[in-house]
Amino acid sequence: MVARRKNSSTPAVRTALAGDVLVALAKSAAALWTGSSAMTSEAIHSFVDAGNEILLLYGICRAGRRPDIEHPLGYGRELYFWSFIVALLVFALGAGFAVFEGINHVLHPEPIQHPLINYLVLGVAFGLEGWAWLVSFKQFDAASGDLGVYAAFRASKDPPSFMILFENSAALLGLIVAAIGTASAVAFHQPYLDGVASIVIGVILGGTAVLLARESKSLLIGERADPHLSHSILAIAAAEPFVTRANGLMTVQLSPDQILAALSLEFSDERTILQVEQQVIALEQHVRAAHPEVVVLFIKPQTDKTYSAQRRDRFGDPVEGAPKRRRSWPFRLRLPLLAPRSWLRRRRVPPMTSKGAVPAVEV
């Protein structure tokens, strides 16, 4: 196993961190000057985001360590652990404090002083957050291929990429809500509307945190790799001269660019043990040449009958044991004005042809 390569999300995380630190300082000054509840919530939100980005960078650094005897599969999943912690912090600190501050301001409203300062800081913050959002969007877009935004989010194995995008999106929405809350409180002489805006910001952060926590938890528990990679590995194995059948493949995502794969193959009975060993070595080289992210590859010689029986013992009936399709939302998240047309197309798994029989579904 080799050490992890540099994470492609690192530039986006660093950009977001720089922007959030500047924005948090500006919002804090404006909140102290004007007494705005929504601006206070936004300041806390930016500080939480900055802390989260530090944790993500720490997780990226820790996940890049070489494997050792105590951790033979490496430390890749540490990135998933810190990503889950980040999602909890967004919910507990960001959303929780925003709702608390909003309720307190609704019960004890105070007029906003110097609202023009609020507008100025919100404008500057929107520019900085927009810049960070654009950087994260481009990085996420480059990795998403032809998938839609929500589908790419569910399929992604790189938490920092979608976390930064979603956090920046929530930040932009929060700035808009804060501006509306400030303008409404001043225009209608109803200071409690500023507190209502703070509560809405908390709801936005809470919803974002739930999405991030759900996906991070799934990756932390252990998700299979992209089905396209599985089909490719099975095709490579089936094309080997001594392989009579590629029975199946099991994969586990260890980190964004580290995958464990276990391959079941049936070899020709005419081959000796030495020939099978040489073929296995050659197959490992072919797989790693095509997919360097496969850092651990186990190959188990067995008949299709034995493989099918073991598969039934582990997953139940072959039909019931197949991976279930994730429940889709009643709507799809789209960015029609900014997203390329390729996002409107769903990617399909092309049919695979090989000399050997290859199962259609990975287990």
Protein backbone atom coordinates (compact mmCIF):
# COMPACT_ATOMS: atom_id res chain seq x y z
CA MET A 1 0.00 0.00 0.00
CA VAL A 2 1.22 3.44 -0.84
CA ALA A 3 0.73 6.74 0.91
CA ARG A 4 -2.23 8.85 -0.02
CA ARG A 5 -1.83 11.46 -2.71
CA LYS A 6 -2.57 15.11 -2.12
CA ASN A 7 -6.30 15.66 -1.73
CA SER A 8 -7.81 17.59 -4.63
CA SER A 9 -10.17 19.46 -2.28
CA THR A 10 -7.37 21.11 -0.31
CA PRO A 11 -7.24 24.35 -2.40
CA ALA A 12 -11.00 24.84 -2.04
CA VAL A 13 -10.81 24.28 1.73
CA ARG A 14 -7.96 26.77 2.11
CA THR A 15 -9.78 29.36 0.01
CA ALA A 16 -12.93 28.95 2.09
CA LEU A 17 -10.92 29.23 5.31
CA ALA A 18 -9.31 32.51 4.26
CA GLY A 19 -12.66 33.97 3.23
CA ASP A 20 -14.47 32.83 6.38
CA VAL A 21 -11.85 34.31 8.72
CA LEU A 22 -12.12 37.72 7.04
CA VAL A 23 -15.91 37.55 6.92
CA ALA A 24 -16.17 36.45 10.57
CA LEU A 25 -14.11 39.41 11.76
CA ALA A 26 -16.15 41.88 9.70
CA LYS A 27 -19.47 40.41 10.86
CA SER A 28 -18.38 40.44 14.50
CA ALA A 29 -17.48 44.12 14.32
CA ALA A 30 -20.80 44.94 12.65
CA ALA A 31 -22.78 42.87 15.18
CA LEU A 32 -21.14 44.66 18.13
CA TRP A 33 -21.70 48.06 16.50
CA THR A 34 -25.33 47.62 15.43
CA GLY A 35 -26.67 45.04 17.89
CA SER A 36 -28.24 43.03 15.07
CA SER A 37 -29.30 39.50 16.05
CA ALA A 38 -29.09 38.23 12.47
CA MET A 39 -25.60 39.69 12.09
CA THR A 40 -24.55 38.03 15.38
CA SER A 41 -25.81 34.70 14.06
CA GLU A 42 -23.93 35.24 10.82
CA ALA A 43 -20.73 36.04 12.72
CA ILE A 44 -21.01 32.83 14.76
CA HIS A 45 -21.80 30.94 11.56
CA SER A 46 -18.60 32.21 9.91
CA PHE A 47 -16.47 31.37 12.95
CA VAL A 48 -17.95 27.86 13.02
CA ASP A 49 -17.25 27.46 9.29
CA ALA A 50 -13.64 28.58 9.78
CA GLY A 51 -13.19 26.08 12.60
CA ASN A 52 -14.74 23.36 10.46
CA GLU A 53 -12.34 24.06 7.62
CA ILE A 54 -9.41 23.78 10.02
CA LEU A 55 -10.74 20.38 11.09
CA LEU A 56 -11.11 19.29 7.47
CA LEU A 57 -7.51 20.30 6.72
CA TYR A 58 -6.41 18.40 9.81
CA GLY A 59 -8.37 15.36 8.66
CA ILE A 60 -6.82 15.55 5.18
CA CYS A 61 -3.35 15.71 6.74
CA ARG A 62 -4.02 12.80 9.12
CA ALA A 63 -5.56 10.65 6.38
CA GLY A 64 -2.38 10.97 4.32
CA ARG A 65 -0.19 9.06 6.78
CA ARG A 66 1.39 5.79 5.70
CA PRO A 67 -0.11 2.51 6.94
CA ASP A 68 1.54 0.80 9.88
CA ILE A 69 1.24 -2.49 11.75
CA GLU A 70 -1.57 -1.19 13.97
CA HIS A 71 -3.48 0.25 11.00
CA PRO A 72 -2.64 -1.98 8.02
CA LEU A 73 -5.30 -0.37 5.81
CA GLY A 74 -4.03 3.12 6.53
CA TYR A 75 -5.65 6.18 8.07
CA GLY A 76 -7.86 7.22 5.16
CA ARG A 77 -11.11 6.93 7.09
CA GLU A 78 -9.91 9.55 9.57
CA LEU A 79 -10.98 12.11 6.97
CA TYR A 80 -14.50 10.68 7.12
CA PHE A 81 -14.45 10.86 10.92
CA TRP A 82 -13.53 14.55 10.99
CA SER A 83 -16.06 15.26 8.25
CA PHE A 84 -18.77 13.77 10.47
CA ILE A 85 -17.56 15.91 13.40
CA VAL A 86 -17.79 18.98 11.15
CA ALA A 87 -21.41 18.17 10.31
CA LEU A 88 -22.23 17.85 14.03
CA LEU A 89 -20.56 21.19 14.78
CA VAL A 90 -22.56 22.94 12.04
CA PHE A 91 -25.73 21.64 13.66
CA ALA A 92 -24.81 22.09 17.33
CA LEU A 93 -22.94 25.41 17.22
CA GLY A 94 -24.05 27.13 14.03
CA ALA A 95 -27.73 26.19 13.88
CA GLY A 96 -28.23 25.92 17.64
CA PHE A 97 -26.79 29.33 18.47
CA ALA A 98 -28.61 31.02 15.58
CA VAL A 99 -31.99 29.70 16.73
CA PHE A 100 -31.24 30.57 20.38
CA GLU A 101 -30.15 34.10 19.47
CA GLY A 102 -33.19 34.55 17.24
CA ILE A 103 -35.69 33.43 19.89
CA ASN A 104 -34.04 35.66 22.47
CA HIS A 105 -34.27 38.65 20.11
CA VAL A 106 -37.92 37.94 19.30
CA LEU A 107 -38.78 37.82 23.01
CA HIS A 108 -36.64 40.87 23.82
CA PRO A 109 -36.44 42.93 20.62
CA GLU A 110 -33.99 45.82 20.36
CA PRO A 111 -33.81 48.27 17.47
CA ILE A 112 -30.86 47.98 15.08
CA GLN A 113 -28.37 50.81 15.34
CA HIS A 114 -26.61 52.09 12.20
CA PRO A 115 -28.17 49.63 9.71
CA LEU A 116 -25.98 51.01 6.89
CA ILE A 117 -23.00 49.30 8.53
CA ASN A 118 -24.91 46.03 8.36
CA TYR A 119 -25.58 46.51 4.65
CA LEU A 120 -21.95 47.36 3.95
CA VAL A 121 -20.60 44.34 5.83
CA LEU A 122 -23.19 42.03 4.27
CA GLY A 123 -22.18 43.25 0.81
CA VAL A 124 -18.48 42.65 1.46
CA ALA A 125 -19.23 39.26 3.02
CA PHE A 126 -21.36 38.27 0.04
CA GLY A 127 -18.48 39.07 -2.30
CA LEU A 128 -15.97 37.02 -0.27
CA GLU A 129 -18.35 34.11 0.24
CA GLY A 130 -19.28 34.22 -3.43
CA TRP A 131 -15.61 33.98 -4.40
CA ALA A 132 -15.11 30.98 -2.10
CA TRP A 133 -18.33 29.41 -3.41
CA LEU A 134 -17.15 29.77 -7.01
CA VAL A 135 -13.84 28.04 -6.23
CA SER A 136 -15.61 25.14 -4.48
CA PHE A 137 -18.23 24.93 -7.24
CA LYS A 138 -15.60 24.61 -9.96
CA GLN A 139 -13.79 21.89 -8.02
CA PHE A 140 -17.04 20.01 -7.36
CA ASP A 141 -18.16 20.46 -10.98
CA ALA A 142 -14.91 19.01 -12.30
CA ALA A 143 -15.34 15.88 -10.18
CA SER A 144 -19.07 15.36 -10.73
CA GLY A 145 -19.01 14.43 -14.42
CA ASP A 146 -22.48 14.19 -15.94
CA LEU A 147 -24.34 13.81 -12.64
CA GLY A 148 -26.73 16.39 -11.24
CA VAL A 149 -25.82 18.33 -8.12
CA TYR A 150 -27.66 16.16 -5.61
CA ALA A 151 -26.75 12.91 -7.39
CA ALA A 152 -23.09 13.96 -7.45
CA PHE A 153 -23.31 14.82 -3.75
CA ARG A 154 -24.65 11.34 -2.92
CA ALA A 155 -22.11 9.61 -5.17
CA SER A 156 -19.09 11.63 -3.97
CA LYS A 157 -16.47 9.90 -1.83
CA ASP A 158 -14.67 13.16 -1.00
CA PRO A 159 -16.46 14.92 1.92
CA PRO A 160 -14.42 18.18 1.85
CA SER A 161 -15.50 18.84 -1.74
CA PHE A 162 -19.24 18.77 -1.07
CA MET A 163 -18.99 20.10 2.49
CA ILE A 164 -17.31 23.32 1.40
CA LEU A 165 -19.81 23.80 -1.43
CA PHE A 166 -22.82 23.23 0.83
CA GLU A 167 -21.40 25.38 3.63
CA ASN A 168 -20.72 28.24 1.22
CA SER A 169 -24.19 27.87 -0.28
CA ALA A 170 -25.73 28.02 3.20
CA ALA A 171 -23.58 31.07 3.97
CA LEU A 172 -24.82 32.91 0.87
CA LEU A 173 -28.43 32.08 1.73
CA GLY A 174 -27.82 33.23 5.29
CA LEU A 175 -26.44 36.57 4.10
CA ILE A 176 -29.53 37.12 1.96
CA VAL A 177 -31.81 36.28 4.90
CA ALA A 178 -29.82 38.57 7.20
CA ALA A 179 -30.12 41.45 4.72
CA ILE A 180 -33.87 40.90 4.39
CA GLY A 181 -34.25 40.70 8.17
CA THR A 182 -32.31 43.92 8.73
CA ALA A 183 -34.20 45.79 6.01
CA SER A 184 -37.59 44.57 7.29
CA ALA A 185 -36.81 45.44 10.92
CA VAL A 186 -35.76 48.97 9.93
CA ALA A 187 -38.45 49.64 7.31
CA PHE A 188 -41.41 48.39 9.39
CA HIS A 189 -39.98 49.46 12.77
CA GLN A 190 -40.38 45.89 14.03
CA PRO A 191 -37.07 44.83 15.65
CA TYR A 192 -38.32 41.29 16.26
CA LEU A 193 -38.09 40.62 12.50
CA ASP A 194 -34.32 40.65 12.91
CA GLY A 195 -34.70 37.78 15.37
CA VAL A 196 -36.96 35.92 12.95
CA ALA A 197 -34.21 36.20 10.33
CA SER A 198 -31.77 34.67 12.81
CA ILE A 199 -34.12 31.71 13.35
CA VAL A 200 -34.42 31.18 9.58
CA ILE A 201 -30.62 31.19 9.33
CA GLY A 202 -30.52 28.51 12.02
CA VAL A 203 -33.03 26.39 10.10
CA ILE A 204 -30.91 26.69 6.94
CA LEU A 205 -27.80 25.60 8.86
CA GLY A 206 -29.68 22.76 10.52
CA GLY A 207 -30.92 21.39 7.20
CA THR A 208 -27.42 21.62 5.74
CA ALA A 209 -25.94 19.84 8.75
CA VAL A 210 -28.43 16.96 8.48
CA LEU A 211 -27.49 16.37 4.82
CA LEU A 212 -23.76 16.50 5.56
CA ALA A 213 -24.03 14.25 8.62
CA ARG A 214 -26.06 11.65 6.75
CA GLU A 215 -23.56 11.33 3.90
CA SER A 216 -20.49 11.52 6.16
CA LYS A 217 -21.89 8.77 8.39
CA SER A 218 -22.44 6.52 5.39
CA LEU A 219 -18.83 6.99 4.26
CA LEU A 220 -17.53 6.48 7.80
CA ILE A 221 -19.39 3.18 8.14
CA GLY A 222 -18.03 2.02 4.78
CA GLU A 223 -19.46 2.49 1.29
CA ARG A 224 -18.64 0.52 -1.81
CA ALA A 225 -16.62 2.20 -4.55
CA ASP A 226 -18.05 3.61 -7.77
CA PRO A 227 -19.83 0.83 -9.75
CA HIS A 228 -17.98 1.95 -12.90
CA LEU A 229 -14.68 1.02 -11.24
CA SER A 230 -16.09 -2.36 -10.21
CA HIS A 231 -17.24 -3.15 -13.75
CA SER A 232 -13.83 -2.14 -15.08
CA ILE A 233 -11.95 -4.40 -12.65
CA LEU A 234 -14.23 -7.33 -13.47
CA ALA A 235 -13.65 -6.77 -17.18
CA ILE A 236 -9.87 -6.66 -16.69
CA ALA A 237 -9.99 -9.90 -14.70
CA ALA A 238 -12.25 -11.67 -17.19
CA ALA A 239 -9.84 -10.82 -20.01
CA GLU A 240 -6.91 -12.62 -18.38
CA PRO A 241 -5.94 -15.82 -20.25
CA PHE A 242 -6.13 -18.23 -17.29
CA VAL A 243 -9.40 -16.88 -15.86
CA THR A 244 -12.49 -18.86 -16.87
CA ARG A 245 -14.92 -16.71 -14.91
CA ALA A 246 -14.90 -13.50 -12.86
CA ASN A 247 -17.40 -14.43 -10.16
CA GLY A 248 -17.77 -11.11 -8.38
CA LEU A 249 -16.13 -8.21 -6.62
CA MET A 250 -16.45 -6.48 -3.26
CA THR A 251 -15.07 -2.97 -2.75
CA VAL A 252 -14.81 -0.61 0.22
CA GLN A 253 -13.96 3.09 0.00
CA LEU A 254 -11.18 3.75 2.51
CA SER A 255 -10.69 7.41 1.57
CA PRO A 256 -11.40 9.61 -1.47
CA ASP A 257 -8.48 8.03 -3.36
CA GLN A 258 -8.01 4.71 -1.53
CA ILE A 259 -10.06 1.62 -2.31
CA LEU A 260 -9.95 -1.95 -1.01
CA ALA A 261 -11.10 -4.61 -3.50
CA ALA A 262 -11.71 -8.34 -3.02
CA LEU A 263 -12.04 -10.32 -6.26
CA SER A 264 -13.41 -13.84 -6.70
CA LEU A 265 -12.08 -15.68 -9.76
CA GLU A 266 -12.35 -19.15 -11.21
CA PHE A 267 -9.11 -20.31 -12.86
CA SER A 268 -8.55 -22.98 -15.45
CA ASP A 269 -8.05 -26.44 -13.91
CA GLU A 270 -5.19 -27.12 -16.31
CA ARG A 271 -2.93 -24.55 -14.68
CA THR A 272 -0.48 -25.27 -11.91
CA ILE A 273 -0.32 -23.37 -8.62
CA LEU A 274 2.79 -21.55 -9.83
CA GLN A 275 1.06 -20.47 -13.02
CA VAL A 276 -1.95 -19.23 -11.06
CA GLU A 277 0.35 -17.28 -8.75
CA GLN A 278 2.08 -15.64 -11.71
CA GLN A 279 -1.30 -14.81 -13.24
CA VAL A 280 -2.49 -13.23 -10.00
CA ILE A 281 0.63 -11.05 -9.87
CA ALA A 282 0.07 -9.97 -13.48
CA LEU A 283 -3.60 -9.24 -12.78
CA GLU A 284 -2.71 -7.07 -9.78
CA GLN A 285 -0.35 -5.06 -11.95
CA HIS A 286 -2.99 -4.59 -14.65
CA VAL A 287 -5.63 -3.47 -12.15
CA ARG A 288 -3.32 -1.00 -10.41
CA ALA A 289 -2.14 0.37 -13.73
CA ALA A 290 -5.73 1.10 -14.72
CA HIS A 291 -6.89 2.14 -11.23
CA PRO A 292 -4.05 3.37 -8.98
CA GLU A 293 -6.60 4.21 -6.28
CA VAL A 294 -6.97 0.46 -5.61
CA VAL A 295 -4.36 0.23 -2.87
CA VAL A 296 -5.38 -3.18 -1.53
CA LEU A 297 -6.46 -6.05 -3.83
CA PHE A 298 -7.36 -9.51 -2.56
CA ILE A 299 -7.86 -12.27 -5.14
CA LYS A 300 -9.61 -15.47 -4.07
CA PRO A 301 -9.61 -18.50 -6.40
CA GLN A 302 -12.95 -20.32 -6.13
CA THR A 303 -15.67 -21.80 -8.27
CA ASP A 304 -18.82 -19.93 -9.14
CA LYS A 305 -20.85 -22.41 -7.07
CA THR A 306 -18.77 -21.77 -3.95
CA TYR A 307 -18.85 -18.02 -4.51
CA SER A 308 -22.63 -17.99 -4.97
CA ALA A 309 -23.14 -20.03 -1.79
CA GLN A 310 -20.93 -17.72 0.26
CA ARG A 311 -22.65 -14.71 -1.24
CA ARG A 312 -26.06 -16.06 -0.22
CA ASP A 313 -24.78 -16.74 3.30
CA ARG A 314 -23.60 -13.14 3.63
CA PHE A 315 -26.22 -11.14 1.75
CA GLY A 316 -29.20 -13.52 1.59
CA ASP A 317 -31.08 -14.17 -1.63
CA PRO A 318 -29.13 -12.99 -4.73
CA VAL A 319 -31.92 -10.61 -5.68
CA GLU A 320 -32.57 -9.37 -2.17
CA GLY A 321 -28.84 -9.11 -1.45
CA ALA A 322 -28.15 -6.84 -4.41
CA PRO A 323 -27.41 -3.20 -3.57
CA LYS A 324 -30.63 -1.31 -3.07
CA ARG A 325 -31.28 1.87 -4.94
CA ARG A 326 -31.17 4.91 -2.73
CA ARG A 327 -34.40 6.73 -2.16
CA SER A 328 -34.61 9.78 -4.35
CA TRP A 329 -36.08 13.10 -3.33
CA PRO A 330 -39.30 14.31 -4.96
CA PHE A 331 -37.28 17.07 -6.59
CA ARG A 332 -33.78 17.48 -7.97
CA LEU A 333 -31.44 20.21 -6.88
CA ARG A 334 -30.34 22.13 -9.97
CA LEU A 335 -28.37 25.26 -10.74
CA PRO A 336 -29.70 26.02 -14.25
CA LEU A 337 -28.01 29.39 -14.65
CA LEU A 338 -24.57 28.31 -13.54
CA ALA A 339 -24.35 24.57 -14.13
CA PRO A 340 -23.14 23.23 -17.48
CA ARG A 341 -25.59 21.34 -19.66
CA SER A 342 -23.80 18.09 -18.91
CA TRP A 343 -25.27 18.27 -15.38
CA LEU A 344 -28.73 17.78 -16.85
CA ARG A 345 -27.80 14.32 -18.16
CA ARG A 346 -27.70 11.21 -16.05
CA ARG A 347 -24.64 9.01 -16.41
CA ARG A 348 -25.34 5.41 -17.34
CA VAL A 349 -23.18 2.37 -16.82
CA PRO A 350 -22.23 1.07 -20.28
CA PRO A 351 -22.71 -2.61 -20.96
CA MET A 352 -19.52 -4.56 -20.40
CA THR A 353 -18.24 -7.20 -22.74
CA SER A 354 -15.48 -9.66 -22.05
CA LYS A 355 -14.54 -13.20 -22.85
CA GLY A 356 -15.60 -14.38 -19.39
CA ALA A 357 -18.97 -14.20 -17.71
CA VAL A 358 -19.13 -11.09 -15.54
CA PRO A 359 -21.89 -10.47 -12.98
CA ALA A 360 -23.94 -7.35 -13.66
CA VAL A 361 -24.04 -6.19 -10.06
CA GLU A 362 -21.21 -5.78 -7.59
CA VAL A 363 -21.72 -7.12 -4.10
